[in-house]
Amino acid sequence: MAEHPRRPLGELLVERGALDRHELDHWLKEQRLSGLLLGELLVRHRVVSPMEVAAALAVQRGADHVANGIENGRHQQLGRILVERDLLTESGLQRVLLEQQRTGDKLGEVLARRGYVSQEQIEELLAEQRGAASSADIQPAEDVAYEVRAPGNGGDALHVSDSFLDASDFAFDLLYDANPDALEIVEVRDGRRKIAWSYVRPESD
C-alpha cells in the first residue's frame, strides 16, 4: 500500500490554530530567503512554540497518539503557570484538564468558559509560554542547544543538537522504537535550561 504524501507543516500549524494564513504566507517567504526549514525558522523567531511544531510534526507523521502526548505536556505547563500565579488551584487544574480531554476544546476555551481567566490573560500566558517577544525584540536564536532526555532518568542527555527539529526527529524515532512513558527536550540557552518539548504517553482508555 502506497504511503499518503505528508501534509505540509505550515498547513497543519494553521489547522491547529498556531498560525493564521497571513502569517504562514509571510514566513514561507522568509523561509525561501533564509533556506531554513519552516519549523526551524518559526521556532528560532519564537512565532510558535517548539511544542506546537513538535505536535504538528507528529500529526504529519501519522502519529496522533504522540501529538496527544505532546499536547498533554503543553497543557500541563500552561496549567502550572496558572497555579503558580494563584489563578487556579491544583484541584481546579485537574478539573480543567479532564474537561479539556473530554471535550477536545482548547485549554484556553475551557478556562474562559469556567471563568478562571479572561481571554486577554490567556493570550498573555500563551505568548509567554511560547517565549514570544515584540517584533522589535525578536532575534534569531544563538548559542542554543537542545538535549533529548528521559525525565527522572538522570545521567547524560540521550542526544544533543543545535537544531530543535533534529532533536525532535531523534525524539520521535526513540518514541517509535522504545515507546517510553515520557520524554522531553531541554533548551539550553546562555547557561539557562528550560523544557521546550515534553511528551507523556496518554493513558489507555
Protein backbone atom coordinates (compact mmCIF):
# COMPACT_ATOMS: atom_id res chain seq x y z
CA MET A 1 0.00 0.00 0.00
CA ALA A 2 1.45 3.38 -1.03
CA GLU A 3 2.10 5.93 1.67
CA HIS A 4 0.00 9.07 1.62
CA PRO A 5 2.11 12.17 1.00
CA ARG A 6 2.80 14.13 4.16
CA ARG A 7 0.78 17.29 4.58
CA PRO A 8 2.85 20.50 4.68
CA LEU A 9 3.86 21.56 8.19
CA GLY A 10 2.55 25.09 7.63
CA GLU A 11 -0.88 23.79 6.68
CA LEU A 12 -1.01 21.69 9.85
CA LEU A 13 0.03 24.65 12.03
CA VAL A 14 -2.76 26.76 10.53
CA GLU A 15 -5.27 23.95 11.04
CA ARG A 16 -4.18 23.58 14.68
CA GLY A 17 -4.53 27.34 15.31
CA ALA A 18 -0.82 28.05 15.86
CA LEU A 19 -0.66 30.36 12.82
CA ASP A 20 -3.14 32.14 10.61
CA ARG A 21 -2.97 32.02 6.82
CA HIS A 22 -1.48 35.53 6.53
CA GLU A 23 1.32 34.68 8.98
CA LEU A 24 2.04 31.44 7.13
CA ASP A 25 2.40 33.27 3.79
CA HIS A 26 4.83 35.73 5.39
CA TRP A 27 7.01 33.03 6.94
CA LEU A 28 7.02 30.90 3.79
CA LYS A 29 8.57 33.90 2.00
CA GLU A 30 11.09 34.26 4.83
CA GLN A 31 11.85 30.55 4.57
CA ARG A 32 12.70 30.85 0.86
CA LEU A 33 15.08 33.72 1.64
CA SER A 34 16.73 32.04 4.63
CA GLY A 35 17.00 28.49 3.32
CA LEU A 36 15.93 27.17 6.75
CA LEU A 37 13.23 24.58 7.33
CA LEU A 38 9.91 26.23 8.15
CA GLY A 39 9.65 24.71 11.63
CA GLU A 40 13.21 25.74 12.48
CA LEU A 41 12.55 29.29 11.30
CA LEU A 42 9.33 29.62 13.30
CA VAL A 43 10.93 28.30 16.49
CA ARG A 44 14.03 30.49 16.10
CA HIS A 45 11.88 33.60 15.77
CA ARG A 46 9.54 32.45 18.56
CA VAL A 47 6.49 32.64 16.32
CA VAL A 48 5.29 29.26 17.57
CA SER A 49 6.48 27.17 20.49
CA PRO A 50 8.65 24.08 20.00
CA MET A 51 5.77 22.02 21.39
CA GLU A 52 3.36 23.33 18.75
CA VAL A 53 5.83 22.43 16.00
CA ALA A 54 6.53 19.01 17.52
CA ALA A 55 2.82 18.18 17.81
CA ALA A 56 2.23 19.22 14.18
CA LEU A 57 5.22 17.11 13.07
CA ALA A 58 3.75 14.13 14.92
CA VAL A 59 0.42 14.58 13.09
CA GLN A 60 2.37 14.93 9.83
CA ARG A 61 3.94 11.52 10.51
CA GLY A 62 0.54 10.00 11.26
CA ALA A 63 1.36 9.59 14.95
CA ASP A 64 -1.67 11.25 16.52
CA HIS A 65 -1.06 9.49 19.84
CA VAL A 66 2.35 11.18 20.05
CA ALA A 67 0.74 14.55 19.26
CA ASN A 68 -1.78 13.92 22.06
CA GLY A 69 1.04 13.21 24.49
CA ILE A 70 2.83 16.41 23.50
CA GLU A 71 -0.41 18.38 23.85
CA ASN A 72 -0.90 16.94 27.33
CA GLY A 73 2.55 18.17 28.30
CA ARG A 74 1.89 21.64 26.87
CA HIS A 75 -1.47 21.96 28.64
CA GLN A 76 0.10 20.87 31.92
CA GLN A 77 2.81 23.53 31.56
CA LEU A 78 0.23 26.25 30.94
CA GLY A 79 -1.84 24.99 33.85
CA ARG A 80 1.26 25.02 36.06
CA ILE A 81 1.79 28.73 35.28
CA LEU A 82 -1.80 29.43 36.36
CA VAL A 83 -1.34 27.54 39.63
CA GLU A 84 1.95 29.31 40.36
CA ARG A 85 0.22 32.67 39.90
CA ASP A 86 -2.67 31.68 42.17
CA LEU A 87 -5.13 31.96 39.28
CA LEU A 88 -6.04 28.30 39.62
CA THR A 89 -5.94 25.70 42.39
CA GLU A 90 -4.45 22.23 41.94
CA SER A 91 -7.91 20.65 42.04
CA GLY A 92 -9.20 23.28 39.61
CA LEU A 93 -6.34 22.45 37.23
CA GLN A 94 -7.22 18.75 37.31
CA ARG A 95 -10.91 19.51 36.59
CA VAL A 96 -9.98 21.77 33.69
CA LEU A 97 -7.58 19.22 32.18
CA LEU A 98 -10.21 16.47 32.46
CA GLU A 99 -12.82 18.67 30.77
CA GLN A 100 -10.34 19.62 28.05
CA GLN A 101 -9.58 15.96 27.34
CA ARG A 102 -13.29 15.05 27.37
CA THR A 103 -14.48 17.86 25.09
CA GLY A 104 -11.42 18.26 22.86
CA ASP A 105 -11.68 22.05 23.29
CA LYS A 106 -8.56 24.17 23.61
CA LEU A 107 -7.42 24.60 27.18
CA GLY A 108 -7.90 28.37 26.96
CA GLU A 109 -11.53 27.89 25.90
CA VAL A 110 -12.22 25.71 28.93
CA LEU A 111 -10.50 28.19 31.27
CA ALA A 112 -12.50 31.12 29.87
CA ARG A 113 -15.77 29.18 29.93
CA ARG A 114 -15.25 28.36 33.60
CA GLY A 115 -14.36 31.98 34.32
CA TYR A 116 -10.90 31.27 35.75
CA VAL A 117 -9.12 33.75 33.47
CA SER A 118 -10.07 36.31 30.84
CA GLN A 119 -9.33 35.88 27.14
CA GLU A 120 -6.73 38.65 27.44
CA GLN A 121 -4.96 36.81 30.27
CA ILE A 122 -4.99 33.59 28.23
CA GLU A 123 -3.39 35.34 25.25
CA GLU A 124 -0.71 36.84 27.50
CA LEU A 125 0.02 33.46 29.08
CA LEU A 126 0.18 31.69 25.72
CA ALA A 127 2.54 34.36 24.39
CA GLU A 128 4.71 33.94 27.48
CA GLN A 129 4.62 30.16 27.17
CA ARG A 130 5.90 30.25 23.60
CA GLY A 131 8.50 32.85 24.55
CA ALA A 132 7.02 35.45 22.23
CA ALA A 133 8.52 38.91 22.19
CA SER A 134 7.60 42.11 20.39
CA SER A 135 8.76 42.21 16.77
CA ALA A 136 11.45 44.74 17.70
CA ASP A 137 12.97 42.31 20.19
CA ILE A 138 12.85 39.16 18.06
CA GLN A 139 16.31 37.92 17.12
CA PRO A 140 17.38 34.58 15.72
CA ALA A 141 18.50 32.23 18.48
CA GLU A 142 22.25 31.95 19.12
CA ASP A 143 24.30 29.56 21.24
CA VAL A 144 21.33 27.31 21.84
CA ALA A 145 21.47 23.56 22.33
CA TYR A 146 18.62 21.06 22.61
CA GLU A 147 19.03 17.97 24.81
CA VAL A 148 16.76 14.95 24.49
CA ARG A 149 16.24 13.44 27.95
CA ALA A 150 14.14 10.83 29.70
CA PRO A 151 12.55 12.63 32.70
CA GLY A 152 13.60 11.25 36.06
CA ASN A 153 16.33 9.14 34.49
CA GLY A 154 19.22 11.50 35.32
CA GLY A 155 22.58 10.99 33.66
CA ASP A 156 23.70 12.29 30.30
CA ALA A 157 21.38 13.53 27.59
CA LEU A 158 20.31 10.90 25.08
CA HIS A 159 21.03 13.29 22.20
CA VAL A 160 22.27 16.88 21.88
CA SER A 161 21.82 19.15 18.86
CA ASP A 162 21.85 22.85 17.98
CA SER A 163 18.69 22.24 15.92
CA PHE A 164 15.31 21.76 17.56
CA LEU A 165 13.99 19.85 14.55
CA ASP A 166 16.96 17.47 14.63
CA ALA A 167 16.37 16.89 18.35
CA SER A 168 12.65 16.30 17.78
CA ASP A 169 13.41 13.85 14.94
CA PHE A 170 15.64 11.88 17.31
CA ALA A 171 12.92 12.01 19.98
CA PHE A 172 10.27 10.74 17.52
CA ASP A 173 12.50 7.84 16.45
CA LEU A 174 13.04 6.97 20.11
CA LEU A 175 9.28 7.08 20.76
CA TYR A 176 8.64 4.65 17.89
CA ASP A 177 11.49 2.30 18.84
CA ALA A 178 11.30 2.30 22.65
CA ASN A 179 7.81 3.65 23.47
CA PRO A 180 8.94 5.39 26.69
CA ASP A 181 6.44 6.69 29.25
CA ALA A 182 7.82 10.21 28.92
CA LEU A 183 10.42 12.16 27.00
CA GLU A 184 11.50 15.79 26.93
CA ILE A 185 13.70 18.19 25.00
CA VAL A 186 15.53 20.69 27.20
CA GLU A 187 16.58 24.00 25.66
CA VAL A 188 19.94 25.27 26.95
CA ARG A 189 20.38 28.96 26.19
CA ASP A 190 23.13 31.11 27.74
CA GLY A 191 23.50 28.63 30.59
CA ARG A 192 19.77 28.66 31.36
CA ARG A 193 17.72 25.49 30.93
CA LYS A 194 14.01 25.08 30.26
CA ILE A 195 11.79 22.35 28.90
CA ALA A 196 10.97 23.17 25.27
CA TRP A 197 9.10 19.95 24.42
CA SER A 198 7.64 17.23 26.53
CA TYR A 199 5.79 14.02 25.77
CA VAL A 200 3.73 11.97 28.20
CA ARG A 201 2.31 8.70 26.91
CA PRO A 202 -1.50 9.03 27.03
CA GLU A 203 -3.27 6.62 29.35
CA SER A 204 -5.17 3.89 27.54
CA ASP A 205 -8.95 4.06 27.83
